[in-house]
Amino acid sequence: MAERKTALVIDDKESIRKATKTFLALAGFDSTLAVDGLEARERLSESSYDLVVSDIEMPNMNGFEILAFIRKNPSSASTPVIMLSSLDGDEVRLRCEKLGAQAYIVKPFTLDTMKGALAKAGFGA
């Protein structure tokens, strides 16, 4: 049996963390949860992950800041990142792309939307 992949899910809303964890479990991921970018930074210093899924609008350290941190850190620089947000617009998508995110999902999202983002991030079709 193949080893399950690991994901770090970062969102300040518990319902989104749980939904994302469930969707990722269906895609073969075991997820670690973080409530904001500061907690995520701690998790990233403790472990490496196959994937990071992060909200943009969070207290303390937002998604853009954690994405920049991930890309600057040699141990996580190549980790695929999917960004989540209720913000929908070309400016936000472009900023995520420029910072190195592989995919962008607008909330609320479906399992099919997550599968599409996972495919963009290099996980399955």
Protein backbone atom coordinates (compact mmCIF):
# COMPACT_ATOMS: atom_id res chain seq x y z
CA MET A 1 0.00 0.00 0.00
CA ALA A 2 1.30 3.44 -0.92
CA GLU A 3 2.30 5.79 1.86
CA ARG A 4 -0.20 8.60 2.36
CA LYS A 5 0.86 12.10 1.47
CA THR A 6 0.91 14.88 4.07
CA ALA A 7 -0.73 18.29 3.89
CA LEU A 8 -0.71 21.38 6.07
CA VAL A 9 -4.11 23.10 6.07
CA ILE A 10 -4.14 26.73 7.25
CA ASP A 11 -7.41 28.58 7.83
CA ASP A 12 -8.81 30.63 10.72
CA LYS A 13 -12.30 29.10 10.26
CA GLU A 14 -12.72 25.66 11.82
CA SER A 15 -15.43 24.63 9.33
CA ILE A 16 -13.10 25.30 6.37
CA ARG A 17 -10.21 23.43 8.05
CA LYS A 18 -12.47 20.42 8.62
CA ALA A 19 -13.94 20.44 5.10
CA THR A 20 -10.50 20.80 3.52
CA LYS A 21 -9.13 17.98 5.69
CA THR A 22 -12.03 15.74 4.63
CA PHE A 23 -11.56 16.52 0.92
CA LEU A 24 -7.82 15.94 1.18
CA ALA A 25 -8.35 12.63 3.03
CA LEU A 26 -10.45 11.44 0.09
CA ALA A 27 -7.49 12.30 -2.15
CA GLY A 28 -5.04 10.31 0.01
CA PHE A 29 -3.64 13.01 2.30
CA ASP A 30 -3.18 13.06 6.07
CA SER A 31 -3.58 16.67 7.19
CA THR A 32 -2.13 18.78 9.97
CA LEU A 33 -4.23 21.85 10.80
CA ALA A 34 -3.16 25.40 11.67
CA VAL A 35 -5.36 28.39 12.56
CA ASP A 36 -3.12 31.10 11.06
CA GLY A 37 0.21 31.77 9.42
CA LEU A 38 2.09 31.97 12.71
CA GLU A 39 0.98 28.49 13.74
CA ALA A 40 1.70 27.26 10.20
CA ARG A 41 5.24 28.64 10.40
CA GLU A 42 5.76 26.60 13.59
CA ARG A 43 4.40 23.44 11.92
CA LEU A 44 6.66 24.00 8.90
CA SER A 45 9.69 24.31 11.18
CA GLU A 46 8.78 20.97 12.82
CA SER A 47 7.90 18.91 9.72
CA SER A 48 7.90 18.88 5.97
CA TYR A 49 4.70 18.45 3.96
CA ASP A 50 3.85 17.25 0.47
CA LEU A 51 1.29 20.05 0.10
CA VAL A 52 0.16 23.27 1.81
CA VAL A 53 -3.41 24.59 1.50
CA SER A 54 -3.77 28.10 2.91
CA ASP A 55 -6.47 30.71 3.34
CA ILE A 56 -5.47 34.27 2.45
CA GLU A 57 -7.43 36.38 4.96
CA MET A 58 -6.26 35.37 8.45
CA PRO A 59 -5.23 37.20 11.61
CA ASN A 60 -1.59 37.47 12.76
CA MET A 61 0.03 36.30 9.52
CA ASN A 62 -2.01 36.18 6.31
CA GLY A 63 -1.82 33.71 3.46
CA PHE A 64 0.35 35.93 1.27
CA GLU A 65 2.87 36.21 4.11
CA ILE A 66 2.95 32.46 4.79
CA LEU A 67 3.26 31.74 1.05
CA ALA A 68 6.26 34.11 0.86
CA PHE A 69 7.75 32.41 3.95
CA ILE A 70 7.29 28.96 2.35
CA ARG A 71 9.01 30.06 -0.88
CA LYS A 72 11.95 31.69 0.97
CA ASN A 73 12.59 28.70 3.24
CA PRO A 74 14.92 26.16 1.54
CA SER A 75 13.19 23.18 3.20
CA SER A 76 9.75 24.15 1.85
CA ALA A 77 10.54 26.25 -1.23
CA SER A 78 9.41 23.56 -3.69
CA THR A 79 6.32 22.46 -1.74
CA PRO A 80 3.14 22.85 -3.84
CA VAL A 81 0.72 25.43 -2.39
CA ILE A 82 -3.01 25.85 -3.01
CA MET A 83 -4.47 29.16 -1.86
CA LEU A 84 -8.08 29.53 -0.63
CA SER A 85 -10.09 32.70 -0.29
CA SER A 86 -13.51 34.28 -0.46
CA LEU A 87 -11.75 36.97 -2.52
CA ASP A 88 -12.36 36.45 -6.22
CA GLY A 89 -10.55 38.57 -8.73
CA ASP A 90 -7.69 38.66 -11.17
CA GLU A 91 -5.55 40.81 -8.87
CA VAL A 92 -5.66 38.24 -6.05
CA ARG A 93 -5.10 35.32 -8.42
CA LEU A 94 -2.15 37.09 -10.03
CA ARG A 95 -0.58 37.89 -6.65
CA CYS A 96 -0.89 34.22 -5.61
CA GLU A 97 0.68 33.14 -8.91
CA LYS A 98 3.55 35.65 -8.58
CA LEU A 99 4.26 34.43 -5.04
CA GLY A 100 4.47 30.86 -6.31
CA ALA A 101 1.10 29.21 -5.60
CA GLN A 102 0.18 26.34 -7.91
CA ALA A 103 -3.59 26.86 -7.63
CA TYR A 104 -6.23 29.23 -6.28
CA ILE A 105 -9.68 28.23 -5.01
CA VAL A 106 -12.57 30.58 -4.26
CA LYS A 107 -14.65 29.66 -1.19
CA PRO A 108 -17.04 27.98 -0.88
CA PHE A 109 -15.58 25.12 -2.89
CA THR A 110 -16.51 21.56 -3.82
CA LEU A 111 -14.65 18.27 -3.90
CA ASP A 112 -14.36 18.62 -7.68
CA THR A 113 -12.83 22.09 -7.28
CA MET A 114 -10.29 20.66 -4.82
CA LYS A 115 -9.49 17.80 -7.18
CA GLY A 116 -8.84 20.31 -9.97
CA ALA A 117 -6.52 22.33 -7.72
CA LEU A 118 -4.70 19.15 -6.66
CA ALA A 119 -4.16 18.30 -10.32
CA LYS A 120 -2.67 21.77 -10.92
CA ALA A 121 -0.41 21.16 -7.92
CA GLY A 122 0.81 17.87 -9.42
CA PHE A 123 -1.36 15.39 -7.54
CA GLY A 124 -3.48 13.22 -9.83
CA ALA A 125 -5.80 14.09 -12.66
